Amino acid sequence: MVELSDIEMKEADPSSGLQTAGTTTTTSKDDKKDADTLTLDDIKEQVRTIEKAVNSKEPRFILRVLRGLASTRKRLNEDVIRRLILFYYGSNSSEREILLGFAQSVSQV
């Protein structure tokens, strides 16, 4: 028969518990960067899915991307758009500069 034994719990670390007001701003900036990185990764995955749909001529992959556009659009911001432009237009500097200028002018409005 198997015996169950009690396990001692470790004490909670006060630094990982509730945050003070000073660390909240740092955490929110980190969360925003994490959210931006997740959004960027989602968009890159959607582009790969579109490429797969074009290569295999399967419309169901396109429909999957279209269903996700609403949530992706809500998470877009200037930083994500700038990083996407730099990633996909890395070698073509003239088009990249035009798109970056457009992205900055839209964010100022």
PDB file of N, CA and C in Angstrom:
ATOM      1  N   MET A   1       0.832  -1.175   0.000  1.00  0.00           N
ATOM      2  CA  MET A   1       0.000   0.000   0.000  1.00  0.00           C
ATOM      3  C   MET A   1       0.882   1.246   0.000  1.00  0.00           C
ATOM      4  N   VAL A   2       0.427   2.299  -0.632  1.00  0.00           N
ATOM      5  CA  VAL A   2       1.205   3.526  -0.741  1.00  0.00           C
ATOM      6  C   VAL A   2       0.888   4.440   0.427  1.00  0.00           C
ATOM      7  N   GLU A   3       1.955   4.939   1.055  1.00  0.00           N
ATOM      8  CA  GLU A   3       1.767   5.865   2.165  1.00  0.00           C
ATOM      9  C   GLU A   3       1.869   7.288   1.656  1.00  0.00           C
ATOM     10  N   LEU A   4       0.977   8.106   2.114  1.00  0.00           N
ATOM     11  CA  LEU A   4       1.016   9.522   1.773  1.00  0.00           C
ATOM     12  C   LEU A   4       1.663  10.274   2.915  1.00  0.00           C
ATOM     13  N   SER A   5       2.591  11.132   2.581  1.00  0.00           N
ATOM     14  CA  SER A   5       3.247  11.908   3.627  1.00  0.00           C
ATOM     15  C   SER A   5       2.986  13.393   3.394  1.00  0.00           C
ATOM     16  N   ASP A   6       3.025  14.126   4.470  1.00  0.00           N
ATOM     17  CA  ASP A   6       2.815  15.563   4.365  1.00  0.00           C
ATOM     18  C   ASP A   6       4.049  16.219   3.766  1.00  0.00           C
ATOM     19  N   ILE A   7       3.804  17.246   2.997  1.00  0.00           N
ATOM     20  CA  ILE A   7       4.896  17.997   2.384  1.00  0.00           C
ATOM     21  C   ILE A   7       4.907  19.388   2.986  1.00  0.00           C
ATOM     22  N   GLU A   8       6.080  19.824   3.396  1.00  0.00           N
ATOM     23  CA  GLU A   8       6.219  21.162   3.955  1.00  0.00           C
ATOM     24  C   GLU A   8       6.179  22.192   2.833  1.00  0.00           C
ATOM     25  N   MET A   9       5.412  23.236   3.023  1.00  0.00           N
ATOM     26  CA  MET A   9       5.315  24.317   2.041  1.00  0.00           C
ATOM     27  C   MET A   9       6.381  25.358   2.347  1.00  0.00           C
ATOM     28  N   LYS A  10       6.964  25.904   1.305  1.00  0.00           N
ATOM     29  CA  LYS A  10       7.946  26.964   1.478  1.00  0.00           C
ATOM     30  C   LYS A  10       7.222  28.274   1.739  1.00  0.00           C
ATOM     31  N   GLU A  11       7.899  29.152   2.446  1.00  0.00           N
ATOM     32  CA  GLU A  11       7.337  30.469   2.720  1.00  0.00           C
ATOM     33  C   GLU A  11       7.334  31.293   1.439  1.00  0.00           C
ATOM     34  N   ALA A  12       6.322  32.113   1.275  1.00  0.00           N
ATOM     35  CA  ALA A  12       6.217  32.973   0.093  1.00  0.00           C
ATOM     36  C   ALA A  12       7.272  34.061   0.161  1.00  0.00           C
ATOM     37  N   ASP A  13       7.879  34.339  -0.964  1.00  0.00           N
ATOM     38  CA  ASP A  13       8.888  35.386  -1.060  1.00  0.00           C
ATOM     39  C   ASP A  13       8.182  36.736  -1.147  1.00  0.00           C
ATOM     40  N   PRO A  14       8.473  37.669  -0.242  1.00  0.00           N
ATOM     41  CA  PRO A  14       7.773  38.953  -0.273  1.00  0.00           C
ATOM     42  C   PRO A  14       8.047  39.755  -1.544  1.00  0.00           C
ATOM     43  N   SER A  15       9.195  39.545  -2.164  1.00  0.00           N
ATOM     44  CA  SER A  15       9.498  40.312  -3.380  1.00  0.00           C
ATOM     45  C   SER A  15       8.658  39.850  -4.561  1.00  0.00           C
ATOM     46  N   SER A  16       8.180  38.617  -4.556  1.00  0.00           N
ATOM     47  CA  SER A  16       7.356  38.136  -5.660  1.00  0.00           C
ATOM     48  C   SER A  16       5.870  38.309  -5.385  1.00  0.00           C
ATOM     49  N   GLY A  17       5.533  38.817  -4.221  1.00  0.00           N
ATOM     50  CA  GLY A  17       4.137  39.007  -3.857  1.00  0.00           C
ATOM     51  C   GLY A  17       3.578  40.287  -4.454  1.00  0.00           C
ATOM     52  N   LEU A  18       2.938  41.058  -3.618  1.00  0.00           N
ATOM     53  CA  LEU A  18       2.344  42.305  -4.085  1.00  0.00           C
ATOM     54  C   LEU A  18       3.427  43.279  -4.497  1.00  0.00           C
ATOM     55  N   GLN A  19       3.124  44.052  -5.524  1.00  0.00           N
ATOM     56  CA  GLN A  19       4.116  44.978  -6.043  1.00  0.00           C
ATOM     57  C   GLN A  19       3.868  46.365  -5.479  1.00  0.00           C
ATOM     58  N   THR A  20       4.941  47.112  -5.345  1.00  0.00           N
ATOM     59  CA  THR A  20       4.799  48.493  -4.915  1.00  0.00           C
ATOM     60  C   THR A  20       4.538  49.367  -6.122  1.00  0.00           C
ATOM     61  N   ALA A  21       4.240  50.619  -5.876  1.00  0.00           N
ATOM     62  CA  ALA A  21       3.906  51.536  -6.974  1.00  0.00           C
ATOM     63  C   ALA A  21       5.097  51.737  -7.905  1.00  0.00           C
ATOM     64  N   GLY A  22       6.305  51.698  -7.410  1.00  0.00           N
ATOM     65  CA  GLY A  22       7.484  51.908  -8.249  1.00  0.00           C
ATOM     66  C   GLY A  22       7.718  50.778  -9.234  1.00  0.00           C
ATOM     67  N   THR A  23       7.412  49.565  -8.846  1.00  0.00           N
ATOM     68  CA  THR A  23       7.639  48.442  -9.745  1.00  0.00           C
ATOM     69  C   THR A  23       6.486  48.229 -10.706  1.00  0.00           C
ATOM     70  N   THR A  24       5.359  48.834 -10.442  1.00  0.00           N
ATOM     71  CA  THR A  24       4.204  48.659 -11.316  1.00  0.00           C
ATOM     72  C   THR A  24       4.462  49.257 -12.690  1.00  0.00           C
ATOM     73  N   THR A  25       5.102  50.417 -12.756  1.00  0.00           N
ATOM     74  CA  THR A  25       5.364  51.035 -14.055  1.00  0.00           C
ATOM     75  C   THR A  25       6.344  50.207 -14.855  1.00  0.00           C
ATOM     76  N   THR A  26       7.346  49.656 -14.212  1.00  0.00           N
ATOM     77  CA  THR A  26       8.299  48.815 -14.917  1.00  0.00           C
ATOM     78  C   THR A  26       7.615  47.555 -15.425  1.00  0.00           C
ATOM     79  N   THR A  27       6.772  46.980 -14.618  1.00  0.00           N
ATOM     80  CA  THR A  27       6.066  45.772 -15.022  1.00  0.00           C
ATOM     81  C   THR A  27       5.120  46.054 -16.169  1.00  0.00           C
ATOM     82  N   SER A  28       4.437  47.184 -16.142  1.00  0.00           N
ATOM     83  CA  SER A  28       3.508  47.494 -17.228  1.00  0.00           C
ATOM     84  C   SER A  28       4.261  47.716 -18.534  1.00  0.00           C
ATOM     85  N   LYS A  29       5.454  48.307 -18.474  1.00  0.00           N
ATOM     86  CA  LYS A  29       6.261  48.474 -19.690  1.00  0.00           C
ATOM     87  C   LYS A  29       6.709  47.115 -20.214  1.00  0.00           C
ATOM     88  N   ASP A  30       7.105  46.230 -19.311  1.00  0.00           N
ATOM     89  CA  ASP A  30       7.510  44.886 -19.723  1.00  0.00           C
ATOM     90  C   ASP A  30       6.334  44.123 -20.304  1.00  0.00           C
ATOM     91  N   ASP A  31       5.159  44.277 -19.692  1.00  0.00           N
ATOM     92  CA  ASP A  31       3.964  43.615 -20.209  1.00  0.00           C
ATOM     93  C   ASP A  31       3.628  44.123 -21.596  1.00  0.00           C
ATOM     94  N   LYS A  32       3.789  45.440 -21.812  1.00  0.00           N
ATOM     95  CA  LYS A  32       3.499  46.011 -23.124  1.00  0.00           C
ATOM     96  C   LYS A  32       4.473  45.461 -24.156  1.00  0.00           C
ATOM     97  N   LYS A  33       5.757  45.350 -23.788  1.00  0.00           N
ATOM     98  CA  LYS A  33       6.734  44.794 -24.722  1.00  0.00           C
ATOM     99  C   LYS A  33       6.427  43.328 -25.004  1.00  0.00           C
ATOM    100  N   ASP A  34       6.027  42.601 -23.981  1.00  0.00           N
ATOM    101  CA  ASP A  34       5.661  41.202 -24.189  1.00  0.00           C
ATOM    102  C   ASP A  34       4.438  41.091 -25.083  1.00  0.00           C
ATOM    103  N   ALA A  35       3.459  41.970 -24.880  1.00  0.00           N
ATOM    104  CA  ALA A  35       2.257  41.955 -25.716  1.00  0.00           C
ATOM    105  C   ALA A  35       2.610  42.312 -27.156  1.00  0.00           C
ATOM    106  N   ASP A  36       3.520  43.284 -27.326  1.00  0.00           N
ATOM    107  CA  ASP A  36       3.948  43.651 -28.676  1.00  0.00           C
ATOM    108  C   ASP A  36       4.669  42.495 -29.353  1.00  0.00           C
ATOM    109  N   THR A  37       5.518  41.804 -28.616  1.00  0.00           N
ATOM    110  CA  THR A  37       6.236  40.663 -29.179  1.00  0.00           C
ATOM    111  C   THR A  37       5.269  39.539 -29.537  1.00  0.00           C
ATOM    112  N   LEU A  38       4.288  39.297 -28.692  1.00  0.00           N
ATOM    113  CA  LEU A  38       3.286  38.269 -28.995  1.00  0.00           C
ATOM    114  C   LEU A  38       2.466  38.643 -30.225  1.00  0.00           C
ATOM    115  N   THR A  39       2.105  39.921 -30.336  1.00  0.00           N
ATOM    116  CA  THR A  39       1.357  40.379 -31.505  1.00  0.00           C
ATOM    117  C   THR A  39       2.191  40.218 -32.763  1.00  0.00           C
ATOM    118  N   LEU A  40       3.459  40.579 -32.685  1.00  0.00           N
ATOM    119  CA  LEU A  40       4.358  40.439 -33.827  1.00  0.00           C
ATOM    120  C   LEU A  40       4.497  38.974 -34.231  1.00  0.00           C
ATOM    121  N   ASP A  41       4.642  38.098 -33.268  1.00  0.00           N
ATOM    122  CA  ASP A  41       4.734  36.666 -33.571  1.00  0.00           C
ATOM    123  C   ASP A  41       3.440  36.132 -34.180  1.00  0.00           C
ATOM    124  N   ASP A  42       2.298  36.618 -33.686  1.00  0.00           N
ATOM    125  CA  ASP A  42       1.012  36.196 -34.254  1.00  0.00           C
ATOM    126  C   ASP A  42       0.888  36.626 -35.708  1.00  0.00           C
ATOM    127  N   ILE A  43       1.313  37.841 -36.011  1.00  0.00           N
ATOM    128  CA  ILE A  43       1.221  38.335 -37.389  1.00  0.00           C
ATOM    129  C   ILE A  43       2.155  37.546 -38.299  1.00  0.00           C
ATOM    130  N   LYS A  44       3.350  37.249 -37.817  1.00  0.00           N
ATOM    131  CA  LYS A  44       4.277  36.443 -38.619  1.00  0.00           C
ATOM    132  C   LYS A  44       3.701  35.055 -38.880  1.00  0.00           C
ATOM    133  N   GLU A  45       3.050  34.488 -37.885  1.00  0.00           N
ATOM    134  CA  GLU A  45       2.410  33.182 -38.063  1.00  0.00           C
ATOM    135  C   GLU A  45       1.267  33.277 -39.064  1.00  0.00           C
ATOM    136  N   GLN A  46       0.520  34.362 -39.032  1.00  0.00           N
ATOM    137  CA  GLN A  46      -0.568  34.552 -39.993  1.00  0.00           C
ATOM    138  C   GLN A  46      -0.026  34.687 -41.412  1.00  0.00           C
ATOM    139  N   VAL A  47       1.106  35.358 -41.571  1.00  0.00           N
ATOM    140  CA  VAL A  47       1.721  35.475 -42.898  1.00  0.00           C
ATOM    141  C   VAL A  47       2.163  34.103 -43.393  1.00  0.00           C
ATOM    142  N   ARG A  48       2.744  33.288 -42.514  1.00  0.00           N
ATOM    143  CA  ARG A  48       3.134  31.929 -42.910  1.00  0.00           C
ATOM    144  C   ARG A  48       1.913  31.101 -43.302  1.00  0.00           C
ATOM    145  N   THR A  49       0.809  31.296 -42.592  1.00  0.00           N
ATOM    146  CA  THR A  49      -0.419  30.569 -42.913  1.00  0.00           C
ATOM    147  C   THR A  49      -0.955  30.995 -44.274  1.00  0.00           C
ATOM    148  N   ILE A  50      -0.875  32.283 -44.578  1.00  0.00           N
ATOM    149  CA  ILE A  50      -1.310  32.769 -45.895  1.00  0.00           C
ATOM    150  C   ILE A  50      -0.430  32.181 -46.988  1.00  0.00           C
ATOM    151  N   GLU A  51       0.882  32.142 -46.763  1.00  0.00           N
ATOM    152  CA  GLU A  51       1.785  31.543 -47.752  1.00  0.00           C
ATOM    153  C   GLU A  51       1.456  30.061 -47.954  1.00  0.00           C
ATOM    154  N   LYS A  52       1.141  29.370 -46.874  1.00  0.00           N
ATOM    155  CA  LYS A  52       0.774  27.957 -46.977  1.00  0.00           C
ATOM    156  C   LYS A  52      -0.525  27.797 -47.762  1.00  0.00           C
ATOM    157  N   ALA A  53      -1.470  28.708 -47.562  1.00  0.00           N
ATOM    158  CA  ALA A  53      -2.740  28.652 -48.287  1.00  0.00           C
ATOM    159  C   ALA A  53      -2.536  28.895 -49.774  1.00  0.00           C
ATOM    160  N   VAL A  54      -1.649  29.811 -50.112  1.00  0.00           N
ATOM    161  CA  VAL A  54      -1.384  30.097 -51.522  1.00  0.00           C
ATOM    162  C   VAL A  54      -0.694  28.911 -52.175  1.00  0.00           C
ATOM    163  N   ASN A  55       0.284  28.334 -51.500  1.00  0.00           N
ATOM    164  CA  ASN A  55       1.025  27.207 -52.070  1.00  0.00           C
ATOM    165  C   ASN A  55       0.168  25.955 -52.224  1.00  0.00           C
ATOM    166  N   SER A  56      -0.715  25.710 -51.266  1.00  0.00           N
ATOM    167  CA  SER A  56      -1.528  24.494 -51.319  1.00  0.00           C
ATOM    168  C   SER A  56      -2.910  24.725 -51.923  1.00  0.00           C
ATOM    169  N   LYS A  57      -3.237  25.970 -52.217  1.00  0.00           N
ATOM    170  CA  LYS A  57      -4.536  26.341 -52.807  1.00  0.00           C
ATOM    171  C   LYS A  57      -5.699  25.871 -51.937  1.00  0.00           C
ATOM    172  N   GLU A  58      -5.554  26.081 -50.643  1.00  0.00           N
ATOM    173  CA  GLU A  58      -6.582  25.701 -49.669  1.00  0.00           C
ATOM    174  C   GLU A  58      -7.181  26.961 -49.046  1.00  0.00           C
ATOM    175  N   PRO A  59      -8.460  27.240 -49.286  1.00  0.00           N
ATOM    176  CA  PRO A  59      -9.067  28.453 -48.730  1.00  0.00           C
ATOM    177  C   PRO A  59      -9.297  28.396 -47.217  1.00  0.00           C
ATOM    178  N   ARG A  60      -9.282  27.220 -46.625  1.00  0.00           N
ATOM    179  CA  ARG A  60      -9.541  27.137 -45.186  1.00  0.00           C
ATOM    180  C   ARG A  60      -8.442  27.808 -44.362  1.00  0.00           C
ATOM    181  N   PHE A  61      -7.207  27.835 -44.883  1.00  0.00           N
ATOM    182  CA  PHE A  61      -6.129  28.524 -44.174  1.00  0.00           C
ATOM    183  C   PHE A  61      -6.354  30.033 -44.181  1.00  0.00           C
ATOM    184  N   ILE A  62      -6.834  30.553 -45.305  1.00  0.00           N
ATOM    185  CA  ILE A  62      -7.134  31.983 -45.393  1.00  0.00           C
ATOM    186  C   ILE A  62      -8.269  32.333 -44.432  1.00  0.00           C
ATOM    187  N   LEU A  63      -9.259  31.476 -44.338  1.00  0.00           N
ATOM    188  CA  LEU A  63     -10.377  31.731 -43.427  1.00  0.00           C
ATOM    189  C   LEU A  63      -9.913  31.768 -41.973  1.00  0.00           C
ATOM    190  N   ARG A  64      -8.946  30.945 -41.639  1.00  0.00           N
ATOM    191  CA  ARG A  64      -8.398  30.950 -40.283  1.00  0.00           C
ATOM    192  C   ARG A  64      -7.750  32.295 -39.975  1.00  0.00           C
ATOM    193  N   VAL A  65      -7.014  32.836 -40.946  1.00  0.00           N
ATOM    194  CA  VAL A  65      -6.376  34.138 -40.759  1.00  0.00           C
ATOM    195  C   VAL A  65      -7.431  35.236 -40.660  1.00  0.00           C
ATOM    196  N   LEU A  66      -8.449  35.172 -41.506  1.00  0.00           N
ATOM    197  CA  LEU A  66      -9.495  36.193 -41.486  1.00  0.00           C
ATOM    198  C   LEU A  66     -10.249  36.209 -40.158  1.00  0.00           C
ATOM    199  N   ARG A  67     -10.450  35.053 -39.557  1.00  0.00           N
ATOM    200  CA  ARG A  67     -11.122  35.008 -38.254  1.00  0.00           C
ATOM    201  C   ARG A  67     -10.284  35.677 -37.176  1.00  0.00           C
ATOM    202  N   GLY A  68      -8.978  35.633 -37.310  1.00  0.00           N
ATOM    203  CA  GLY A  68      -8.107  36.218 -36.298  1.00  0.00           C
ATOM    204  C   GLY A  68      -7.784  37.681 -36.499  1.00  0.00           C
ATOM    205  N   LEU A  69      -8.226  38.274 -37.604  1.00  0.00           N
ATOM    206  CA  LEU A  69      -7.877  39.666 -37.886  1.00  0.00           C
ATOM    207  C   LEU A  69      -8.457  40.653 -36.877  1.00  0.00           C
ATOM    208  N   ALA A  70      -9.638  40.418 -36.382  1.00  0.00           N
ATOM    209  CA  ALA A  70     -10.261  41.365 -35.447  1.00  0.00           C
ATOM    210  C   ALA A  70      -9.442  41.491 -34.165  1.00  0.00           C
ATOM    211  N   SER A  71      -9.010  40.376 -33.618  1.00  0.00           N
ATOM    212  CA  SER A  71      -8.216  40.444 -32.386  1.00  0.00           C
ATOM    213  C   SER A  71      -6.824  41.005 -32.655  1.00  0.00           C
ATOM    214  N   THR A  72      -6.271  40.703 -33.825  1.00  0.00           N
ATOM    215  CA  THR A  72      -4.952  41.237 -34.169  1.00  0.00           C
ATOM    216  C   THR A  72      -5.017  42.744 -34.340  1.00  0.00           C
ATOM    217  N   ARG A  73      -6.069  43.220 -34.954  1.00  0.00           N
ATOM    218  CA  ARG A  73      -6.216  44.659 -35.194  1.00  0.00           C
ATOM    219  C   ARG A  73      -6.300  45.430 -33.879  1.00  0.00           C
ATOM    220  N   LYS A  74      -6.940  44.874 -32.882  1.00  0.00           N
ATOM    221  CA  LYS A  74      -7.063  45.541 -31.586  1.00  0.00           C
ATOM    222  C   LYS A  74      -5.717  45.673 -30.887  1.00  0.00           C
ATOM    223  N   ARG A  75      -4.799  44.775 -31.173  1.00  0.00           N
ATOM    224  CA  ARG A  75      -3.502  44.774 -30.498  1.00  0.00           C
ATOM    225  C   ARG A  75      -2.427  45.546 -31.249  1.00  0.00           C
ATOM    226  N   LEU A  76      -2.726  46.034 -32.451  1.00  0.00           N
ATOM    227  CA  LEU A  76      -1.728  46.756 -33.240  1.00  0.00           C
ATOM    228  C   LEU A  76      -1.431  48.118 -32.633  1.00  0.00           C
ATOM    229  N   ASN A  77      -0.175  48.516 -32.701  1.00  0.00           N
ATOM    230  CA  ASN A  77       0.229  49.864 -32.331  1.00  0.00           C
ATOM    231  C   ASN A  77       1.416  50.261 -33.204  1.00  0.00           C
ATOM    232  N   GLU A  78       1.925  51.458 -33.000  1.00  0.00           N
ATOM    233  CA  GLU A  78       2.983  51.973 -33.862  1.00  0.00           C
ATOM    234  C   GLU A  78       4.243  51.114 -33.795  1.00  0.00           C
ATOM    235  N   ASP A  79       4.594  50.659 -32.613  1.00  0.00           N
ATOM    236  CA  ASP A  79       5.812  49.866 -32.461  1.00  0.00           C
ATOM    237  C   ASP A  79       5.721  48.542 -33.224  1.00  0.00           C
ATOM    238  N   VAL A  80       4.585  47.881 -33.159  1.00  0.00           N
ATOM    239  CA  VAL A  80       4.406  46.606 -33.864  1.00  0.00           C
ATOM    240  C   VAL A  80       4.483  46.828 -35.367  1.00  0.00           C
ATOM    241  N   ILE A  81       3.822  47.874 -35.857  1.00  0.00           N
ATOM    242  CA  ILE A  81       3.842  48.157 -37.295  1.00  0.00           C
ATOM    243  C   ILE A  81       5.260  48.484 -37.753  1.00  0.00           C
ATOM    244  N   ARG A  82       5.983  49.286 -36.970  1.00  0.00           N
ATOM    245  CA  ARG A  82       7.362  49.637 -37.329  1.00  0.00           C
ATOM    246  C   ARG A  82       8.240  48.390 -37.382  1.00  0.00           C
ATOM    247  N   ARG A  83       8.093  47.499 -36.406  1.00  0.00           N
ATOM    248  CA  ARG A  83       8.902  46.277 -36.391  1.00  0.00           C
ATOM    249  C   ARG A  83       8.558  45.351 -37.552  1.00  0.00           C
ATOM    250  N   LEU A  84       7.274  45.297 -37.920  1.00  0.00           N
ATOM    251  CA  LEU A  84       6.875  44.489 -39.078  1.00  0.00           C
ATOM    252  C   LEU A  84       7.489  45.025 -40.364  1.00  0.00           C
ATOM    253  N   ILE A  85       7.448  46.335 -40.535  1.00  0.00           N
ATOM    254  CA  ILE A  85       8.019  46.945 -41.740  1.00  0.00           C
ATOM    255  C   ILE A  85       9.514  46.668 -41.806  1.00  0.00           C
ATOM    256  N   LEU A  86      10.204  46.825 -40.682  1.00  0.00           N
ATOM    257  CA  LEU A  86      11.646  46.570 -40.670  1.00  0.00           C
ATOM    258  C   LEU A  86      11.959  45.101 -40.939  1.00  0.00           C
ATOM    259  N   PHE A  87      11.112  44.200 -40.493  1.00  0.00           N
ATOM    260  CA  PHE A  87      11.345  42.774 -40.699  1.00  0.00           C
ATOM    261  C   PHE A  87      11.119  42.371 -42.151  1.00  0.00           C
ATOM    262  N   TYR A  88      10.016  42.811 -42.744  1.00  0.00           N
ATOM    263  CA  TYR A  88       9.663  42.356 -44.087  1.00  0.00           C
ATOM    264  C   TYR A  88      10.273  43.205 -45.199  1.00  0.00           C
ATOM    265  N   TYR A  89      10.687  44.413 -44.907  1.00  0.00           N
ATOM    266  CA  TYR A  89      11.312  45.269 -45.918  1.00  0.00           C
ATOM    267  C   TYR A  89      12.748  45.589 -45.517  1.00  0.00           C
ATOM    268  N   GLY A  90      13.472  44.602 -45.049  1.00  0.00           N
ATOM    269  CA  GLY A  90      14.839  44.815 -44.593  1.00  0.00           C
ATOM    270  C   GLY A  90      15.801  45.210 -45.690  1.00  0.00           C
ATOM    271  N   SER A  91      15.652  44.652 -46.891  1.00  0.00           N
ATOM    272  CA  SER A  91      16.626  44.908 -47.953  1.00  0.00           C
ATOM    273  C   SER A  91      16.226  46.064 -48.857  1.00  0.00           C
ATOM    274  N   ASN A  92      14.958  46.376 -48.965  1.00  0.00           N
ATOM    275  CA  ASN A  92      14.487  47.419 -49.869  1.00  0.00           C
ATOM    276  C   ASN A  92      14.292  48.709 -49.073  1.00  0.00           C
ATOM    277  N   SER A  93      15.324  49.549 -49.059  1.00  0.00           N
ATOM    278  CA  SER A  93      15.299  50.715 -48.181  1.00  0.00           C
ATOM    279  C   SER A  93      14.344  51.807 -48.650  1.00  0.00           C
ATOM    280  N   SER A  94      14.125  51.957 -49.954  1.00  0.00           N
ATOM    281  CA  SER A  94      13.249  53.036 -50.418  1.00  0.00           C
ATOM    282  C   SER A  94      11.800  52.776 -50.004  1.00  0.00           C
ATOM    283  N   GLU A  95      11.306  51.578 -50.223  1.00  0.00           N
ATOM    284  CA  GLU A  95       9.941  51.241 -49.807  1.00  0.00           C
ATOM    285  C   GLU A  95       9.816  51.251 -48.287  1.00  0.00           C
ATOM    286  N   ARG A  96      10.841  50.780 -47.607  1.00  0.00           N
ATOM    287  CA  ARG A  96      10.824  50.744 -46.147  1.00  0.00           C
ATOM    288  C   ARG A  96      10.690  52.148 -45.571  1.00  0.00           C
ATOM    289  N   GLU A  97      11.458  53.103 -46.097  1.00  0.00           N
ATOM    290  CA  GLU A  97      11.404  54.472 -45.590  1.00  0.00           C
ATOM    291  C   GLU A  97      10.049  55.119 -45.859  1.00  0.00           C
ATOM    292  N   ILE A  98       9.463  54.839 -47.015  1.00  0.00           N
ATOM    293  CA  ILE A  98       8.135  55.380 -47.329  1.00  0.00           C
ATOM    294  C   ILE A  98       7.102  54.839 -46.340  1.00  0.00           C
ATOM    295  N   LEU A  99       7.139  53.528 -46.100  1.00  0.00           N
ATOM    296  CA  LEU A  99       6.176  52.918 -45.180  1.00  0.00           C
ATOM    297  C   LEU A  99       6.386  53.380 -43.740  1.00  0.00           C
ATOM    298  N   LEU A 100       7.644  53.525 -43.323  1.00  0.00           N
ATOM    299  CA  LEU A 100       7.909  54.009 -41.969  1.00  0.00           C
ATOM    300  C   LEU A 100       7.423  55.443 -41.794  1.00  0.00           C
ATOM    301  N   GLY A 101       7.617  56.273 -42.817  1.00  0.00           N
ATOM    302  CA  GLY A 101       7.114  57.644 -42.764  1.00  0.00           C
ATOM    303  C   GLY A 101       5.601  57.683 -42.671  1.00  0.00           C
ATOM    304  N   PHE A 102       4.947  56.811 -43.418  1.00  0.00           N
ATOM    305  CA  PHE A 102       3.488  56.739 -43.371  1.00  0.00           C
ATOM    306  C   PHE A 102       3.007  56.266 -42.000  1.00  0.00           C
ATOM    307  N   ALA A 103       3.672  55.289 -41.433  1.00  0.00           N
ATOM    308  CA  ALA A 103       3.274  54.769 -40.118  1.00  0.00           C
ATOM    309  C   ALA A 103       3.437  55.835 -39.041  1.00  0.00           C
ATOM    310  N   GLN A 104       4.491  56.644 -39.127  1.00  0.00           N
ATOM    311  CA  GLN A 104       4.697  57.705 -38.143  1.00  0.00           C
ATOM    312  C   GLN A 104       3.685  58.828 -38.314  1.00  0.00           C
ATOM    313  N   SER A 105       3.336  59.166 -39.558  1.00  0.00           N
ATOM    314  CA  SER A 105       2.377  60.250 -39.776  1.00  0.00           C
ATOM    315  C   SER A 105       0.980  59.855 -39.312  1.00  0.00           C
ATOM    316  N   VAL A 106       0.620  58.598 -39.446  1.00  0.00           N
ATOM    317  CA  VAL A 106      -0.690  58.132 -38.987  1.00  0.00           C
ATOM    318  C   VAL A 106      -0.747  58.134 -37.464  1.00  0.00           C
ATOM    319  N   SER A 107       0.351  57.782 -36.800  1.00  0.00           N
ATOM    320  CA  SER A 107       0.347  57.726 -35.341  1.00  0.00           C
ATOM    321  C   SER A 107       0.287  59.117 -34.721  1.00  0.00           C
ATOM    322  N   GLN A 108       0.714  60.148 -35.446  1.00  0.00           N
ATOM    323  CA  GLN A 108       0.683  61.507 -34.919  1.00  0.00           C
ATOM    324  C   GLN A 108      -0.702  62.117 -34.990  1.00  0.00           C
ATOM    325  N   VAL A 109      -1.581  61.562 -35.814  1.00  0.00           N
ATOM    326  CA  VAL A 109      -2.935  62.114 -35.971  1.00  0.00           C
ATOM    327  C   VAL A 109      -3.811  61.786 -34.816  1.00  0.00           C
TER     328      VAL A 109
END
